[in-house]
Structures are given as C-alpha cells and as structure tokens.
Amino acid sequence: MRGYFGVGVEGINKPFNVGNLFRSAHAFDASFVFTIAATYRRAEGAQTDTSDTLANLPFYSFPTVAEFMLPKGCALVGVELHDDAVELPSFTHPRCAAYVMGPEKSSLSPGLMARCDHLLKIPTRFCLNVGIAGVVVMYDRLLTVGRFPPRPVMAGGPGGLSARFRSPAPLAEVALADRDGEHTD
C-alpha cells in the first residue's frame, strides 16, 4: 500500500513523552510529526528523541484545533479510549493518515474528536503512555499495510528459518523424558 502517515499530539505538556513518540515515528518512517495546542520544547524533547526527528521530518506546531490543517485526502485518526472507537485489531488503516493522541491524564478535546475521520482504541484496561500508544498503532499499521507476507500457520517465520536454530535435545533430557513417559518418538 502506498501512502503516508503522520503522528501528533494534542494538549500535551511533557516533552519527554513527545520526544519519545517523535523518535518512534521517525523509526517507523512517518512522513511528518505535529503538535496541537501543546507545550513542546525541542531542547527538552531531544533528551528522549535521540534520532533528532525534527531535523529529519517536517514538524508542524498548531497553536489551536481551529488552526490545525492536514494535506488534502489525509484522514485524521484519533487514538482514544472511547466507547465509540473501533478496537485496533478490527481497524483498517487509511492509506494516508495522521494519528493524533491526547494529553497525559486526559482525552482528546471534543473539538478535535469532532474533526476526526476515525476513532480507534487500543483494547487495554486503561490508557497507555502516549509514546507506547503511538508505537502500538504504528506497528499495527506496519503489519496491516501489506509490506510483509502473511504469518505462517506454524510457529516461527516464513520459510522454516526457525527450524535451523533448533538443536536436538541433549541425551540426558531425552533419557529423562523416556523414563517419565513423556517422550513419544
């Protein structure tokens, strides 16, 4: 699947969390990162953004939800633990998307949620750290956009590569299993 994605936050004020999220977005090959109504100081965020994302990706800082803009055709996906949100394992990612997470100890604003094309939630008992939530969503996107072949039915990777790393059980373990009736060869 061609397309692109961006990752951002609304109303966040912990620069370490933003730096961590932006570093992960850079690692997952995001096209851009953004903040909305957030307090983000690059120097503080750089302590956790060791890849210097803002020197490598476009960064957009929107002072308010009303000033927030996305490219034409880019779907806004709110990541929120909300009753009406689609659970991530059942969500089909848009080809072109911007994922937005809310502030610590709070939720996306009603104004931003109203602008979302989709709401998705990670099926957890309570909210995750914003950086962790972003990684889960980006990893799911990576798995579901068709970049990798389907997983094999049996344990291990495609082509049976895992089998070559298996070694026969040491003879003492085989003898003990035989003695205890566990070995069935």
N, C-alpha and C. Protein backbone atom coordinates (compact mmCIF):
# COMPACT_ATOMS: atom_id res chain seq x y z
N MET A 1 0.86 -1.18 0.00
CA MET A 1 0.00 0.00 0.00
C MET A 1 0.89 1.23 0.00
N ARG A 2 0.68 2.09 -0.93
CA ARG A 2 1.37 3.36 -0.93
C ARG A 2 0.62 4.31 -0.03
N GLY A 3 1.16 5.45 0.19
CA GLY A 3 0.55 6.43 1.05
C GLY A 3 1.56 6.95 2.05
N TYR A 4 1.06 7.57 3.08
CA TYR A 4 1.94 8.13 4.10
C TYR A 4 1.17 8.24 5.39
N PHE A 5 1.91 8.53 6.47
CA PHE A 5 1.23 8.81 7.73
C PHE A 5 2.07 9.79 8.54
N GLY A 6 1.37 10.50 9.39
CA GLY A 6 1.99 11.41 10.34
C GLY A 6 1.50 11.08 11.73
N VAL A 7 2.21 11.57 12.73
CA VAL A 7 1.87 11.29 14.13
C VAL A 7 1.95 12.60 14.91
N GLY A 8 0.96 12.81 15.77
CA GLY A 8 0.98 14.02 16.57
C GLY A 8 0.24 13.88 17.87
N VAL A 9 0.25 14.98 18.62
CA VAL A 9 -0.35 15.02 19.94
C VAL A 9 -1.14 16.32 20.10
N GLU A 10 -2.13 16.26 20.96
CA GLU A 10 -2.89 17.45 21.31
C GLU A 10 -2.76 17.71 22.80
N GLY A 11 -2.52 18.96 23.16
CA GLY A 11 -2.58 19.41 24.54
C GLY A 11 -1.57 18.79 25.49
N ILE A 12 -0.54 18.22 24.97
CA ILE A 12 0.44 17.53 25.82
C ILE A 12 1.45 18.56 26.35
N ASN A 13 1.98 18.28 27.53
CA ASN A 13 2.96 19.22 28.08
C ASN A 13 4.19 18.54 28.66
N LYS A 14 4.35 17.25 28.42
CA LYS A 14 5.54 16.54 28.90
C LYS A 14 6.46 16.30 27.71
N PRO A 15 7.53 17.07 27.60
CA PRO A 15 8.38 16.98 26.41
C PRO A 15 9.05 15.62 26.23
N PHE A 16 9.29 14.91 27.33
CA PHE A 16 9.92 13.59 27.19
C PHE A 16 8.99 12.62 26.48
N ASN A 17 7.69 12.70 26.77
CA ASN A 17 6.72 11.84 26.09
C ASN A 17 6.64 12.17 24.60
N VAL A 18 6.63 13.46 24.29
CA VAL A 18 6.57 13.87 22.88
C VAL A 18 7.85 13.44 22.16
N GLY A 19 8.99 13.66 22.78
CA GLY A 19 10.26 13.26 22.18
C GLY A 19 10.30 11.77 21.90
N ASN A 20 9.82 10.98 22.85
CA ASN A 20 9.77 9.53 22.68
C ASN A 20 8.84 9.15 21.53
N LEU A 21 7.68 9.76 21.47
CA LEU A 21 6.73 9.48 20.38
C LEU A 21 7.33 9.88 19.03
N PHE A 22 7.94 11.04 18.96
CA PHE A 22 8.51 11.50 17.70
C PHE A 22 9.67 10.61 17.26
N ARG A 23 10.49 10.18 18.19
CA ARG A 23 11.60 9.27 17.85
C ARG A 23 11.04 7.98 17.26
N SER A 24 9.98 7.44 17.87
CA SER A 24 9.36 6.22 17.36
C SER A 24 8.74 6.45 15.99
N ALA A 25 8.11 7.61 15.80
CA ALA A 25 7.52 7.93 14.49
C ALA A 25 8.61 7.96 13.42
N HIS A 26 9.74 8.53 13.76
CA HIS A 26 10.88 8.57 12.84
C HIS A 26 11.34 7.15 12.52
N ALA A 27 11.44 6.31 13.53
CA ALA A 27 11.88 4.92 13.33
C ALA A 27 10.90 4.14 12.45
N PHE A 28 9.61 4.41 12.57
CA PHE A 28 8.60 3.71 11.77
C PHE A 28 8.36 4.38 10.42
N ASP A 29 9.20 5.35 10.07
CA ASP A 29 9.17 6.01 8.77
C ASP A 29 7.94 6.89 8.56
N ALA A 30 7.54 7.61 9.60
CA ALA A 30 6.45 8.58 9.45
C ALA A 30 6.89 9.67 8.48
N SER A 31 5.93 10.32 7.87
CA SER A 31 6.22 11.39 6.92
C SER A 31 6.30 12.76 7.58
N PHE A 32 5.63 12.92 8.72
CA PHE A 32 5.66 14.19 9.45
C PHE A 32 5.18 13.96 10.87
N VAL A 33 5.47 14.93 11.74
CA VAL A 33 5.01 14.92 13.12
C VAL A 33 4.42 16.29 13.42
N PHE A 34 3.54 16.34 14.43
CA PHE A 34 2.87 17.61 14.72
C PHE A 34 2.41 17.68 16.17
N THR A 35 2.17 18.90 16.61
CA THR A 35 1.54 19.15 17.91
C THR A 35 0.37 20.10 17.69
N ILE A 36 -0.62 19.98 18.55
CA ILE A 36 -1.77 20.88 18.54
C ILE A 36 -1.96 21.37 19.98
N ALA A 37 -1.99 22.67 20.16
CA ALA A 37 -2.21 23.26 21.50
C ALA A 37 -1.34 22.59 22.54
N ALA A 38 -0.09 22.40 22.22
CA ALA A 38 0.82 21.67 23.10
C ALA A 38 2.00 22.56 23.50
N THR A 39 2.58 22.22 24.62
CA THR A 39 3.81 22.86 25.06
C THR A 39 4.93 21.88 24.78
N TYR A 40 5.69 22.15 23.73
CA TYR A 40 6.79 21.24 23.39
C TYR A 40 8.05 22.06 23.15
N ARG A 41 9.02 21.84 23.99
CA ARG A 41 10.31 22.50 23.85
C ARG A 41 11.30 21.48 23.28
N ARG A 42 11.76 21.78 22.09
CA ARG A 42 12.62 20.86 21.35
C ARG A 42 13.85 20.43 22.17
N ALA A 43 14.46 21.37 22.88
CA ALA A 43 15.67 21.04 23.65
C ALA A 43 15.37 19.99 24.72
N GLU A 44 14.21 20.08 25.35
CA GLU A 44 13.84 19.08 26.37
C GLU A 44 13.46 17.76 25.71
N GLY A 45 12.70 17.83 24.63
CA GLY A 45 12.30 16.62 23.93
C GLY A 45 13.47 15.87 23.34
N ALA A 46 14.54 16.59 23.02
CA ALA A 46 15.73 15.96 22.43
C ALA A 46 16.39 14.96 23.38
N GLN A 47 16.10 15.07 24.66
CA GLN A 47 16.68 14.12 25.61
C GLN A 47 16.15 12.71 25.39
N THR A 48 14.94 12.59 24.85
CA THR A 48 14.41 11.26 24.53
C THR A 48 14.33 11.03 23.02
N ASP A 49 14.34 12.11 22.24
CA ASP A 49 14.34 11.98 20.78
C ASP A 49 15.78 11.95 20.30
N THR A 50 16.44 10.84 20.53
CA THR A 50 17.86 10.73 20.21
C THR A 50 18.13 10.61 18.71
N SER A 51 17.10 10.45 17.89
CA SER A 51 17.29 10.41 16.43
C SER A 51 17.14 11.80 15.81
N ASP A 52 16.85 12.80 16.63
CA ASP A 52 16.66 14.18 16.17
C ASP A 52 15.63 14.25 15.05
N THR A 53 14.44 13.76 15.35
CA THR A 53 13.35 13.69 14.38
C THR A 53 13.09 15.02 13.70
N LEU A 54 13.08 16.10 14.48
CA LEU A 54 12.71 17.39 13.90
C LEU A 54 13.74 17.91 12.89
N ALA A 55 14.93 17.35 12.88
CA ALA A 55 15.92 17.70 11.85
C ALA A 55 15.75 16.82 10.61
N ASN A 56 14.93 15.78 10.71
CA ASN A 56 14.78 14.81 9.63
C ASN A 56 13.39 14.73 9.03
N LEU A 57 12.38 15.20 9.75
CA LEU A 57 11.00 15.15 9.26
C LEU A 57 10.36 16.53 9.39
N PRO A 58 9.38 16.82 8.55
CA PRO A 58 8.63 18.05 8.75
C PRO A 58 7.91 18.03 10.10
N PHE A 59 7.99 19.15 10.82
CA PHE A 59 7.32 19.31 12.12
C PHE A 59 6.38 20.50 12.01
N TYR A 60 5.12 20.26 12.40
CA TYR A 60 4.11 21.31 12.38
C TYR A 60 3.60 21.53 13.78
N SER A 61 3.56 22.78 14.19
CA SER A 61 3.06 23.15 15.52
C SER A 61 1.85 24.05 15.33
N PHE A 62 0.68 23.55 15.70
CA PHE A 62 -0.55 24.31 15.55
C PHE A 62 -0.97 24.83 16.91
N PRO A 63 -1.13 26.14 17.07
CA PRO A 63 -1.48 26.70 18.38
C PRO A 63 -2.86 26.27 18.89
N THR A 64 -3.81 26.03 17.97
CA THR A 64 -5.18 25.66 18.37
C THR A 64 -5.73 24.60 17.42
N VAL A 65 -6.81 23.97 17.85
CA VAL A 65 -7.50 22.99 17.00
C VAL A 65 -8.04 23.69 15.75
N ALA A 66 -8.54 24.91 15.89
CA ALA A 66 -9.09 25.64 14.75
C ALA A 66 -8.03 25.90 13.68
N GLU A 67 -6.77 26.04 14.06
CA GLU A 67 -5.70 26.31 13.11
C GLU A 67 -5.06 25.03 12.54
N PHE A 68 -5.45 23.89 13.06
CA PHE A 68 -4.89 22.61 12.63
C PHE A 68 -5.31 22.29 11.20
N MET A 69 -4.34 21.92 10.36
CA MET A 69 -4.60 21.58 8.97
C MET A 69 -3.84 20.32 8.59
N LEU A 70 -4.42 19.57 7.67
CA LEU A 70 -3.77 18.38 7.12
C LEU A 70 -3.79 18.48 5.60
N PRO A 71 -2.92 17.72 4.94
CA PRO A 71 -2.97 17.70 3.47
C PRO A 71 -4.33 17.17 2.98
N LYS A 72 -4.73 17.60 1.82
CA LYS A 72 -5.98 17.12 1.22
C LYS A 72 -5.91 15.61 1.06
N GLY A 73 -6.95 14.92 1.46
CA GLY A 73 -7.02 13.46 1.35
C GLY A 73 -6.41 12.71 2.52
N CYS A 74 -5.90 13.43 3.51
CA CYS A 74 -5.31 12.79 4.68
C CYS A 74 -6.38 12.63 5.76
N ALA A 75 -6.62 11.40 6.18
CA ALA A 75 -7.63 11.11 7.20
C ALA A 75 -7.04 11.36 8.59
N LEU A 76 -7.80 11.99 9.44
CA LEU A 76 -7.39 12.21 10.83
C LEU A 76 -7.93 11.06 11.67
N VAL A 77 -7.02 10.37 12.36
CA VAL A 77 -7.39 9.22 13.18
C VAL A 77 -7.06 9.54 14.63
N GLY A 78 -8.08 9.69 15.44
CA GLY A 78 -7.88 9.93 16.86
C GLY A 78 -7.66 8.61 17.59
N VAL A 79 -6.65 8.56 18.44
CA VAL A 79 -6.38 7.37 19.25
C VAL A 79 -6.88 7.69 20.64
N GLU A 80 -7.96 7.02 21.04
CA GLU A 80 -8.65 7.41 22.26
C GLU A 80 -9.38 6.21 22.87
N LEU A 81 -9.29 6.06 24.16
CA LEU A 81 -10.03 5.01 24.86
C LEU A 81 -11.45 5.54 25.04
N HIS A 82 -12.27 5.31 24.01
CA HIS A 82 -13.63 5.88 23.94
C HIS A 82 -14.60 4.77 23.55
N ASP A 83 -15.80 4.81 24.11
CA ASP A 83 -16.78 3.76 23.85
C ASP A 83 -17.11 3.59 22.36
N ASP A 84 -17.11 4.68 21.59
CA ASP A 84 -17.47 4.62 20.18
C ASP A 84 -16.29 4.33 19.26
N ALA A 85 -15.10 4.19 19.82
CA ALA A 85 -13.90 3.95 19.00
C ALA A 85 -13.83 2.49 18.56
N VAL A 86 -13.27 2.28 17.38
CA VAL A 86 -13.05 0.93 16.85
C VAL A 86 -11.79 0.37 17.51
N GLU A 87 -11.87 -0.89 17.93
CA GLU A 87 -10.68 -1.50 18.54
C GLU A 87 -9.64 -1.74 17.46
N LEU A 88 -8.39 -1.46 17.79
CA LEU A 88 -7.29 -1.51 16.84
C LEU A 88 -7.22 -2.80 16.02
N PRO A 89 -7.41 -3.99 16.62
CA PRO A 89 -7.32 -5.21 15.79
C PRO A 89 -8.40 -5.30 14.71
N SER A 90 -9.46 -4.51 14.83
CA SER A 90 -10.55 -4.52 13.84
C SER A 90 -10.51 -3.30 12.93
N PHE A 91 -9.48 -2.49 13.03
CA PHE A 91 -9.39 -1.22 12.30
C PHE A 91 -8.57 -1.38 11.02
N THR A 92 -9.09 -0.85 9.92
CA THR A 92 -8.34 -0.79 8.67
C THR A 92 -7.76 0.61 8.54
N HIS A 93 -6.45 0.68 8.45
CA HIS A 93 -5.77 1.97 8.39
C HIS A 93 -6.00 2.65 7.05
N PRO A 94 -6.27 3.96 7.07
CA PRO A 94 -6.38 4.70 5.81
C PRO A 94 -5.02 4.75 5.10
N ARG A 95 -5.05 4.84 3.79
CA ARG A 95 -3.81 4.91 3.02
C ARG A 95 -2.98 6.13 3.43
N CYS A 96 -3.63 7.26 3.58
CA CYS A 96 -2.98 8.50 4.01
C CYS A 96 -3.64 8.92 5.32
N ALA A 97 -2.85 8.97 6.39
CA ALA A 97 -3.45 9.20 7.71
C ALA A 97 -2.54 10.04 8.60
N ALA A 98 -3.18 10.74 9.51
CA ALA A 98 -2.48 11.42 10.60
C ALA A 98 -3.10 10.90 11.89
N TYR A 99 -2.27 10.30 12.74
CA TYR A 99 -2.73 9.75 14.01
C TYR A 99 -2.45 10.78 15.09
N VAL A 100 -3.46 11.05 15.92
CA VAL A 100 -3.28 12.04 16.98
C VAL A 100 -3.65 11.41 18.32
N MET A 101 -2.80 11.64 19.30
CA MET A 101 -3.01 11.17 20.67
C MET A 101 -3.27 12.37 21.57
N GLY A 102 -4.00 12.12 22.66
CA GLY A 102 -4.34 13.19 23.58
C GLY A 102 -3.31 13.40 24.67
N PRO A 103 -3.59 14.34 25.56
CA PRO A 103 -2.65 14.67 26.62
C PRO A 103 -2.62 13.62 27.73
N GLU A 104 -1.58 13.72 28.53
CA GLU A 104 -1.45 12.84 29.68
C GLU A 104 -2.63 13.08 30.64
N LYS A 105 -3.14 12.02 31.19
CA LYS A 105 -4.22 12.07 32.18
C LYS A 105 -5.46 12.79 31.69
N SER A 106 -5.71 12.75 30.38
CA SER A 106 -6.89 13.39 29.84
C SER A 106 -7.24 12.74 28.51
N SER A 107 -8.06 13.41 27.73
CA SER A 107 -8.53 12.87 26.45
C SER A 107 -8.37 13.90 25.36
N LEU A 108 -8.59 13.46 24.13
CA LEU A 108 -8.65 14.42 23.04
C LEU A 108 -9.79 15.39 23.30
N SER A 109 -9.63 16.63 22.90
CA SER A 109 -10.68 17.62 23.12
C SER A 109 -11.90 17.29 22.27
N PRO A 110 -13.09 17.67 22.71
CA PRO A 110 -14.29 17.44 21.90
C PRO A 110 -14.18 18.07 20.51
N GLY A 111 -13.56 19.24 20.42
CA GLY A 111 -13.40 19.90 19.13
C GLY A 111 -12.54 19.09 18.17
N LEU A 112 -11.47 18.48 18.68
CA LEU A 112 -10.61 17.67 17.81
C LEU A 112 -11.28 16.34 17.49
N MET A 113 -11.95 15.74 18.47
CA MET A 113 -12.65 14.48 18.19
C MET A 113 -13.71 14.68 17.10
N ALA A 114 -14.36 15.83 17.08
CA ALA A 114 -15.37 16.11 16.06
C ALA A 114 -14.74 16.20 14.67
N ARG A 115 -13.47 16.54 14.60
CA ARG A 115 -12.77 16.65 13.31
C ARG A 115 -12.19 15.32 12.85
N CYS A 116 -12.16 14.33 13.72
CA CYS A 116 -11.57 13.03 13.37
C CYS A 116 -12.44 12.29 12.36
N ASP A 117 -11.79 11.69 11.38
CA ASP A 117 -12.48 10.82 10.44
C ASP A 117 -12.72 9.45 11.04
N HIS A 118 -11.83 9.06 11.96
CA HIS A 118 -11.92 7.76 12.62
C HIS A 118 -11.44 7.92 14.06
N LEU A 119 -12.03 7.12 14.94
CA LEU A 119 -11.54 6.98 16.32
C LEU A 119 -11.17 5.53 16.51
N LEU A 120 -9.97 5.29 17.00
CA LEU A 120 -9.58 3.93 17.30
C LEU A 120 -9.06 3.85 18.72
N LYS A 121 -9.21 2.66 19.29
CA LYS A 121 -8.71 2.46 20.64
C LYS A 121 -7.90 1.19 20.70
N ILE A 122 -6.90 1.24 21.54
CA ILE A 122 -6.09 0.06 21.81
C ILE A 122 -6.84 -0.69 22.91
N PRO A 123 -7.17 -1.96 22.71
CA PRO A 123 -8.01 -2.66 23.69
C PRO A 123 -7.25 -3.01 24.97
N THR A 124 -7.09 -2.01 25.81
CA THR A 124 -6.44 -2.18 27.11
C THR A 124 -7.41 -1.77 28.21
N ARG A 125 -7.10 -2.16 29.43
CA ARG A 125 -7.98 -1.83 30.57
C ARG A 125 -7.93 -0.36 30.92
N PHE A 126 -6.81 0.30 30.65
CA PHE A 126 -6.67 1.73 30.93
C PHE A 126 -5.70 2.32 29.93
N CYS A 127 -5.61 3.64 29.92
CA CYS A 127 -4.78 4.34 28.93
C CYS A 127 -3.30 4.01 29.08
N LEU A 128 -2.62 3.96 27.94
CA LEU A 128 -1.19 3.75 27.89
C LEU A 128 -0.47 5.09 27.81
N ASN A 129 0.81 5.09 28.11
CA ASN A 129 1.66 6.24 27.88
C ASN A 129 1.57 6.61 26.41
N VAL A 130 1.59 7.90 26.11
CA VAL A 130 1.39 8.36 24.73
C VAL A 130 2.44 7.78 23.78
N GLY A 131 3.67 7.66 24.22
CA GLY A 131 4.71 7.08 23.36
C GLY A 131 4.45 5.62 23.06
N ILE A 132 4.02 4.88 24.08
CA ILE A 132 3.71 3.46 23.90
C ILE A 132 2.50 3.30 23.00
N ALA A 133 1.47 4.10 23.22
CA ALA A 133 0.26 4.03 22.38
C ALA A 133 0.62 4.28 20.92
N GLY A 134 1.46 5.27 20.68
CA GLY A 134 1.88 5.56 19.31
C GLY A 134 2.62 4.40 18.68
N VAL A 135 3.51 3.76 19.42
CA VAL A 135 4.25 2.61 18.90
C VAL A 135 3.30 1.47 18.55
N VAL A 136 2.33 1.19 19.39
CA VAL A 136 1.38 0.11 19.13
C VAL A 136 0.62 0.39 17.83
N VAL A 137 0.15 1.62 17.66
CA VAL A 137 -0.61 1.98 16.45
C VAL A 137 0.28 1.91 15.21
N MET A 138 1.50 2.45 15.30
CA MET A 138 2.39 2.42 14.13
C MET A 138 2.81 1.00 13.77
N TYR A 139 3.03 0.16 14.77
CA TYR A 139 3.39 -1.23 14.50
C TYR A 139 2.22 -1.95 13.83
N ASP A 140 1.01 -1.69 14.31
CA ASP A 140 -0.16 -2.31 13.70
C ASP A 140 -0.30 -1.86 12.25
N ARG A 141 -0.07 -0.58 12.00
CA ARG A 141 -0.13 -0.08 10.62
C ARG A 141 0.89 -0.81 9.75
N LEU A 142 2.10 -0.94 10.26
CA LEU A 142 3.17 -1.63 9.53
C LEU A 142 2.77 -3.06 9.19
N LEU A 143 2.13 -3.75 10.13
CA LEU A 143 1.74 -5.14 9.90
C LEU A 143 0.59 -5.27 8.90
N THR A 144 -0.28 -4.30 8.86
CA THR A 144 -1.52 -4.47 8.09
C THR A 144 -1.51 -3.81 6.73
N VAL A 145 -0.47 -3.08 6.36
CA VAL A 145 -0.48 -2.40 5.07
C VAL A 145 0.07 -3.25 3.93
N GLY A 146 0.37 -4.50 4.19
CA GLY A 146 0.79 -5.42 3.14
C GLY A 146 2.27 -5.42 2.83
N ARG A 147 3.07 -4.86 3.69
CA ARG A 147 4.52 -4.82 3.44
C ARG A 147 5.18 -6.18 3.66
N PHE A 148 4.58 -6.99 4.52
CA PHE A 148 5.15 -8.28 4.86
C PHE A 148 4.20 -9.40 4.43
N PRO A 149 4.75 -10.59 4.15
CA PRO A 149 3.88 -11.72 3.80
C PRO A 149 3.05 -12.14 5.02
N PRO A 150 1.96 -12.86 4.78
CA PRO A 150 1.15 -13.33 5.92
C PRO A 150 1.99 -14.23 6.84
N ARG A 151 1.61 -14.26 8.08
CA ARG A 151 2.31 -15.12 9.04
C ARG A 151 2.01 -16.58 8.74
N PRO A 152 3.01 -17.44 8.95
CA PRO A 152 2.76 -18.87 8.73
C PRO A 152 1.83 -19.43 9.81
N VAL A 153 1.21 -20.54 9.48
CA VAL A 153 0.29 -21.17 10.43
C VAL A 153 1.06 -21.77 11.61
N MET A 154 2.21 -22.34 11.32
CA MET A 154 3.02 -22.96 12.38
C MET A 154 3.92 -21.91 13.03
N ALA A 155 4.39 -22.20 14.22
CA ALA A 155 5.28 -21.28 14.93
C ALA A 155 6.55 -21.04 14.13
N GLY A 156 7.06 -19.83 14.21
CA GLY A 156 8.29 -19.49 13.51
C GLY A 156 8.01 -18.57 12.34
N GLY A 157 9.03 -18.29 11.58
CA GLY A 157 8.91 -17.37 10.46
C GLY A 157 8.66 -18.07 9.15
N PRO A 158 8.46 -17.29 8.08
CA PRO A 158 8.23 -17.90 6.76
C PRO A 158 9.47 -18.65 6.30
N GLY A 159 9.27 -19.72 5.56
CA GLY A 159 10.38 -20.49 5.01
C GLY A 159 11.04 -21.41 5.99
N GLY A 160 10.49 -21.58 7.16
CA GLY A 160 11.03 -22.51 8.14
C GLY A 160 12.41 -22.13 8.67
N LEU A 161 12.75 -20.85 8.64
CA LEU A 161 14.06 -20.43 9.13
C LEU A 161 14.27 -20.77 10.60
N SER A 162 13.21 -20.77 11.37
CA SER A 162 13.35 -21.06 12.80
C SER A 162 13.83 -22.48 13.05
N ALA A 163 13.51 -23.41 12.15
CA ALA A 163 13.90 -24.81 12.36
C ALA A 163 15.40 -24.98 12.40
N ARG A 164 16.13 -24.19 11.63
CA ARG A 164 17.58 -24.36 11.62
C ARG A 164 18.24 -23.90 12.91
N PHE A 165 17.52 -23.17 13.73
CA PHE A 165 18.07 -22.73 15.01
C PHE A 165 17.75 -23.71 16.14
N ARG A 166 16.90 -24.69 15.85
CA ARG A 166 16.60 -25.70 16.85
C ARG A 166 17.74 -26.69 16.93
N SER A 167 18.05 -27.11 18.12
CA SER A 167 19.07 -28.15 18.26
C SER A 167 18.43 -29.35 18.92
N PRO A 168 18.93 -30.53 18.65
CA PRO A 168 18.34 -31.71 19.30
C PRO A 168 18.52 -31.62 20.81
N ALA A 169 17.55 -32.19 21.50
CA ALA A 169 17.63 -32.18 22.96
C ALA A 169 18.85 -32.96 23.42
N PRO A 170 19.52 -32.49 24.46
CA PRO A 170 20.65 -33.27 24.99
C PRO A 170 20.17 -34.66 25.41
N LEU A 171 21.03 -35.65 25.27
CA LEU A 171 20.65 -37.03 25.54
C LEU A 171 20.12 -37.23 26.95
N ALA A 172 20.65 -36.53 27.92
CA ALA A 172 20.17 -36.70 29.29
C ALA A 172 18.71 -36.30 29.39
N GLU A 173 18.31 -35.21 28.69
CA GLU A 173 16.91 -34.79 28.74
C GLU A 173 16.01 -35.80 28.04
N VAL A 174 16.47 -36.38 26.94
CA VAL A 174 15.70 -37.39 26.23
C VAL A 174 15.53 -38.62 27.13
N ALA A 175 16.60 -39.02 27.78
CA ALA A 175 16.53 -40.19 28.66
C ALA A 175 15.56 -39.96 29.80
N LEU A 176 15.58 -38.77 30.39
CA LEU A 176 14.65 -38.46 31.49
C LEU A 176 13.21 -38.44 30.98
N ALA A 177 12.99 -37.90 29.79
CA ALA A 177 11.64 -37.87 29.23
C ALA A 177 11.16 -39.28 28.95
N ASP A 178 12.04 -40.13 28.40
CA ASP A 178 11.67 -41.53 28.15
C ASP A 178 11.29 -42.23 29.45
N ARG A 179 12.09 -41.97 30.48
CA ARG A 179 11.87 -42.63 31.76
C ARG A 179 10.53 -42.19 32.37
N ASP A 180 10.20 -40.90 32.18
CA ASP A 180 8.95 -40.38 32.76
C ASP A 180 7.76 -40.57 31.85
N GLY A 181 7.95 -41.21 30.70
CA GLY A 181 6.85 -41.48 29.78
C GLY A 181 6.44 -40.27 28.96
N GLU A 182 7.28 -39.26 28.87
CA GLU A 182 6.92 -38.05 28.12
C GLU A 182 7.39 -38.09 26.69
N HIS A 183 8.40 -38.88 26.40
CA HIS A 183 8.95 -38.90 25.04
C HIS A 183 8.13 -39.89 24.20
N THR A 184 7.71 -39.48 23.02
CA THR A 184 6.80 -40.33 22.21
C THR A 184 7.40 -40.75 20.88
N ASP A 185 8.69 -40.59 20.65
CA ASP A 185 9.29 -41.00 19.36
C ASP A 185 9.30 -42.47 19.19
